[in-house]
């Protein structure tokens, strides 16, 4: 049981750099090209990682200012990088191919807003199947620091890029929904109820128009009494008038 547990821990943990890899990383690597002599020791180490079982316990939160000021000292260090996908993903071809294929998959992450700072992560992706996330998506990735790469930005201005080597990104963290989007389902439900109410009202009115109710205005009691009489004027003499009324009541 203990032996199995140790095996599982060993599989889940990120394998450390070997002594030979550490020696190769210690050399000076200030080449202007991305593919320098210290790249492949990192690729070889990352190739031994399990793509789905990475242990973040030994990773550091990067201090980007420290990496910019002393990149050689931090080469090979394990970092946990979090940022937003900046919308740039491409395959970076390598001169030296091997088990890692002939290209790396490049993602650019915005890791700091003020001042703005990006991290360029190169994934060991031999088959090129790693699909990029949507622009602005939150990305969390375990990676080893490679070097400070001197290049130019999209406008041709000289720029320094912090570069990292990784195996695969961690499961994406959903971007929190904005309050407006949270209200949309509620508003939609209210609109549906309003449409149903209007439809029912119109249907009810249509049925009433097809079957109009019988109009019958009841006559006032006085009018009924007059209509039932012989419509003859009563005599002025009260006694005679009473007699005529009595005769009318006796008639069948």
Protein backbone atom coordinates (compact mmCIF):
# COMPACT_ATOMS: atom_id res chain seq x y z
CA UNK A 1 0.00 0.00 0.00
CA UNK A 2 2.78 2.44 0.91
CA UNK A 3 4.72 1.49 -2.22
CA UNK A 4 1.71 2.20 -4.42
CA UNK A 5 1.20 5.58 -2.74
CA UNK A 6 4.81 6.53 -3.36
CA UNK A 7 4.46 5.54 -7.02
CA UNK A 8 1.34 7.70 -7.40
CA UNK A 9 3.10 10.67 -5.79
CA UNK A 10 6.08 10.23 -8.07
CA UNK A 11 3.83 10.13 -11.14
CA UNK A 12 1.85 13.22 -10.11
CA UNK A 13 4.88 15.32 -9.12
CA UNK A 14 6.94 17.26 -11.62
CA UNK A 15 10.27 15.45 -12.11
CA UNK A 16 13.19 17.60 -10.96
CA UNK A 17 15.98 18.68 -13.28
CA UNK A 18 18.79 16.17 -13.52
CA UNK A 19 22.36 17.17 -12.70
CA UNK A 20 23.25 17.08 -16.39
CA UNK A 21 20.30 19.36 -17.24
CA UNK A 22 21.23 21.77 -14.46
CA UNK A 23 24.80 21.95 -15.79
CA UNK A 24 23.56 22.78 -19.27
CA UNK A 25 21.26 25.48 -17.95
CA UNK A 26 24.14 27.14 -16.07
CA UNK A 27 25.90 28.26 -19.25
CA UNK A 28 25.45 31.77 -20.62
CA UNK A 29 22.56 32.01 -23.08
CA UNK A 30 22.13 35.53 -24.42
CA UNK A 31 21.52 34.54 -28.03
CA UNK A 32 19.04 36.67 -29.94
CA UNK A 33 17.39 33.56 -31.33
CA UNK A 34 14.80 31.80 -29.23
CA UNK A 35 16.32 28.40 -29.95
CA UNK A 36 19.39 28.67 -27.71
CA UNK A 37 21.59 26.01 -26.07
CA UNK A 38 19.57 25.99 -22.83
CA UNK A 39 16.25 25.29 -24.52
CA UNK A 40 16.56 21.54 -25.01
CA UNK A 41 17.43 20.58 -21.42
CA UNK A 42 14.14 22.19 -20.43
CA UNK A 43 12.25 20.47 -23.25
CA UNK A 44 13.71 17.10 -22.22
CA UNK A 45 12.60 17.66 -18.63
CA UNK A 46 9.12 18.81 -19.59
CA UNK A 47 8.73 15.75 -21.83
CA UNK A 48 8.82 13.59 -18.70
CA UNK A 49 5.85 15.39 -17.14
CA UNK A 50 2.50 13.70 -17.08
CA UNK A 51 0.20 15.95 -19.12
CA UNK A 52 -2.72 15.59 -16.71
CA UNK A 53 -1.01 14.91 -13.38
CA UNK A 54 1.08 17.91 -12.37
CA UNK A 55 1.88 18.88 -8.81
CA UNK A 56 1.81 22.65 -8.19
CA UNK A 57 3.07 22.40 -4.60
CA UNK A 58 6.71 23.04 -5.53
CA UNK A 59 5.96 25.89 -7.94
CA UNK A 60 6.65 29.54 -7.14
CA UNK A 61 4.55 32.58 -7.95
CA UNK A 62 6.71 34.53 -10.39
CA UNK A 63 8.20 37.88 -9.49
CA UNK A 64 8.33 39.33 -12.98
CA UNK A 65 10.54 42.25 -12.04
CA UNK A 66 13.11 39.84 -10.57
CA UNK A 67 12.98 37.69 -13.69
CA UNK A 68 13.59 40.74 -15.88
CA UNK A 69 16.56 41.88 -13.80
CA UNK A 70 18.24 38.48 -13.26
CA UNK A 71 17.02 35.95 -15.83
CA UNK A 72 20.08 33.64 -15.72
CA UNK A 73 19.74 33.00 -11.98
CA UNK A 74 16.12 31.91 -12.35
CA UNK A 75 16.54 29.72 -15.45
CA UNK A 76 14.90 26.34 -14.94
CA UNK A 77 12.86 27.43 -11.90
CA UNK A 78 9.32 26.04 -11.69
CA UNK A 79 6.60 28.70 -11.72
CA UNK A 80 2.84 28.76 -11.59
CA UNK A 81 1.74 31.32 -14.17
CA UNK A 82 -1.72 32.83 -14.31
CA UNK A 83 -2.92 35.37 -16.81
CA UNK A 84 -5.30 36.18 -19.64
CA UNK A 85 -4.82 34.77 -23.10
CA UNK A 86 -3.75 37.70 -25.27
CA UNK A 87 -5.10 36.19 -28.49
CA UNK A 88 -1.77 35.15 -29.97
CA UNK A 89 -1.09 31.46 -30.63
CA UNK A 90 1.22 29.99 -33.24
CA UNK A 91 3.57 27.14 -34.00
CA UNK A 92 7.23 28.09 -33.58
CA UNK A 93 9.40 25.94 -35.81
CA UNK A 94 12.63 24.46 -34.41
CA UNK A 95 15.83 23.79 -36.29
CA UNK A 96 16.61 20.83 -34.06
CA UNK A 97 13.81 18.27 -34.03
CA UNK A 98 13.42 15.21 -31.84
CA UNK A 99 10.84 13.41 -29.73
CA UNK A 100 9.31 16.82 -29.08
CA UNK A 101 8.58 17.22 -32.79
CA UNK A 102 9.78 20.04 -34.99
CA UNK A 103 7.86 22.94 -33.43
CA UNK A 104 6.57 24.32 -30.13
CA UNK A 105 3.12 25.81 -29.54
CA UNK A 106 3.35 29.43 -28.46
CA UNK A 107 0.79 31.23 -26.28
CA UNK A 108 1.11 34.84 -25.15
CA UNK A 109 -0.42 35.58 -21.73
CA UNK A 110 -1.08 38.98 -20.18
CA UNK A 111 0.13 38.43 -16.63
CA UNK A 112 0.24 42.00 -15.33
CA UNK A 113 -1.79 45.11 -16.17
CA UNK A 114 0.03 48.04 -14.57
CA UNK A 115 2.67 48.11 -15.84
CA UNK A 116 1.64 45.75 -18.60
CA UNK A 117 3.67 42.56 -18.74
CA UNK A 118 3.31 39.44 -20.85
CA UNK A 119 4.68 35.93 -20.51
CA UNK A 120 5.38 33.86 -23.62
CA UNK A 121 4.74 30.18 -22.90
CA UNK A 122 6.04 27.47 -25.25
CA UNK A 123 4.24 24.14 -24.91
CA UNK A 124 5.94 20.87 -25.82
CA UNK A 125 3.20 19.78 -28.21
CA UNK A 126 4.67 17.32 -30.77
CA UNK A 127 1.40 16.78 -32.66
CA UNK A 128 0.30 20.44 -32.55
CA UNK A 129 -3.12 19.50 -31.18
CA UNK A 130 -3.22 22.05 -28.35
CA UNK A 131 -6.15 24.36 -29.11
CA UNK A 132 -5.90 27.97 -27.92
CA UNK A 133 -8.58 29.42 -25.63
CA UNK A 134 -10.71 32.43 -26.41
CA UNK A 135 -9.06 35.82 -26.13
CA UNK A 136 -9.27 37.07 -22.56
CA UNK A 137 -9.76 33.59 -21.10
CA UNK A 138 -8.07 32.88 -17.78
CA UNK A 139 -5.10 30.54 -18.18
CA UNK A 140 -3.22 28.71 -15.44
CA UNK A 141 -0.07 26.85 -16.39
CA UNK A 142 2.87 25.18 -14.67
CA UNK A 143 6.12 26.02 -16.50
CA UNK A 144 9.88 26.33 -16.15
CA UNK A 145 11.49 29.67 -16.83
CA UNK A 146 13.63 29.71 -19.95
CA UNK A 147 15.17 33.09 -20.61
CA UNK A 148 14.71 36.76 -21.44
CA UNK A 149 14.24 36.91 -25.18
CA UNK A 150 15.16 40.14 -26.98
CA UNK A 151 12.87 40.59 -29.94
CA UNK A 152 10.55 43.17 -31.49
CA UNK A 153 6.85 43.72 -30.92
CA UNK A 154 4.14 43.98 -33.58
CA UNK A 155 5.14 47.58 -34.29
CA UNK A 156 8.80 46.67 -34.75
CA UNK A 157 9.95 48.19 -31.45
CA UNK A 158 12.66 46.35 -29.44
CA UNK A 159 11.03 44.35 -26.64
CA UNK A 160 12.12 41.88 -23.97
CA UNK A 161 9.95 38.82 -23.52
CA UNK A 162 9.91 36.47 -20.55
CA UNK A 163 9.75 32.94 -21.98
CA UNK A 164 8.67 29.70 -20.31
CA UNK A 165 8.54 26.02 -21.29
CA UNK A 166 5.47 23.98 -20.31
CA UNK A 167 3.74 20.68 -20.98
CA UNK A 168 0.07 21.66 -21.01
CA UNK A 169 -2.22 24.25 -19.42
CA UNK A 170 -4.30 23.48 -16.37
CA UNK A 171 -8.08 23.29 -16.79
CA UNK A 172 -9.32 26.74 -17.76
CA UNK A 173 -10.97 28.85 -15.09
CA UNK A 174 -14.29 30.28 -16.34
CA UNK A 175 -14.34 34.03 -16.66
CA UNK A 176 -16.81 35.52 -14.13
CA UNK A 177 -20.01 36.66 -15.79
CA UNK A 178 -20.76 40.35 -15.73
CA UNK A 179 -23.89 41.50 -13.85
CA UNK A 180 -25.61 42.45 -17.11
CA UNK A 181 -25.26 38.91 -18.43
CA UNK A 182 -26.64 37.55 -15.16
CA UNK A 183 -29.79 39.67 -15.67
CA UNK A 184 -30.39 38.53 -19.26
CA UNK A 185 -32.09 35.20 -18.35
CA UNK A 186 -34.42 37.02 -15.91
CA UNK A 187 -35.33 39.66 -18.49
CA UNK A 188 -35.95 36.95 -21.08
CA UNK A 189 -38.30 35.11 -18.72
CA UNK A 190 -40.31 38.27 -18.07
CA UNK A 191 -40.63 38.96 -21.81
CA UNK A 192 -41.93 35.42 -22.40
CA UNK A 193 -44.59 35.89 -19.72
CA UNK A 194 -45.67 39.21 -21.26
CA UNK A 195 -46.00 37.64 -24.72
CA UNK A 196 -48.06 34.76 -23.32
CA UNK A 197 -50.33 37.19 -21.45
CA UNK A 198 -50.95 39.28 -24.59
CA UNK A 199 -51.68 36.14 -26.61
CA UNK A 200 -54.22 34.87 -24.07
CA UNK A 201 -55.97 38.28 -23.95
CA UNK A 202 -56.25 38.43 -27.75
CA UNK A 203 -57.53 34.85 -27.91
CA UNK A 204 -60.19 35.65 -25.31
CA UNK A 205 -61.33 38.75 -27.20
CA UNK A 206 -61.53 36.78 -30.46
CA UNK A 207 -63.77 34.17 -28.87
CA UNK A 208 -66.05 36.88 -27.46
CA UNK A 209 -66.39 38.50 -30.90
CA UNK A 210 -67.44 35.17 -32.46
CA UNK A 211 -70.11 34.57 -29.78
CA UNK A 212 -71.54 37.92 -28.66
CA UNK A 213 -73.65 37.77 -25.51
CA UNK A 214 -77.44 38.31 -25.78
CA UNK A 215 -78.28 41.88 -24.87
CA UNK A 216 -81.29 42.19 -22.67
CA UNK A 217 -82.04 45.38 -20.83
CA UNK A 218 -84.54 44.79 -18.08
CA UNK A 219 -87.44 47.14 -18.08
CA UNK A 220 -88.06 49.32 -15.06
CA UNK A 221 -90.98 48.18 -12.92
CA UNK A 222 -93.05 51.22 -13.95
CA UNK A 223 -92.63 50.45 -17.67
CA UNK A 224 -93.65 46.85 -17.13
CA UNK A 225 -96.77 47.87 -15.34
CA UNK A 226 -97.70 50.29 -18.09
CA UNK A 227 -97.08 47.78 -20.85
CA UNK A 228 -99.31 45.23 -19.15
CA UNK A 229 -102.21 47.66 -18.88
CA UNK A 230 -104.76 48.42 -21.61
CA UNK A 231 -103.02 51.73 -22.16
CA UNK A 232 -106.34 53.53 -21.37
CA UNK A 233 -106.30 56.70 -19.26
CA UNK A 234 -107.81 56.34 -15.81
CA UNK A 235 -110.80 58.53 -14.91
CA UNK A 236 -110.28 61.56 -12.76
CA UNK A 237 -112.65 60.24 -10.11
CA UNK A 238 -110.61 58.16 -7.66
CA UNK A 239 -113.43 55.73 -6.97
CA UNK A 240 -114.00 55.10 -10.65
CA UNK A 241 -110.29 54.66 -11.22
CA UNK A 242 -110.08 52.05 -8.47
CA UNK A 243 -113.05 50.23 -9.97
CA UNK A 244 -111.45 50.04 -13.41
CA UNK A 245 -108.21 48.74 -11.94
CA UNK A 246 -110.17 46.10 -10.02
CA UNK A 247 -111.95 45.05 -13.22
CA UNK A 248 -108.61 44.72 -15.01
CA UNK A 249 -107.21 42.41 -12.33
CA UNK A 250 -110.34 40.24 -12.54
CA UNK A 251 -109.98 39.77 -16.31
CA UNK A 252 -108.26 36.49 -17.22
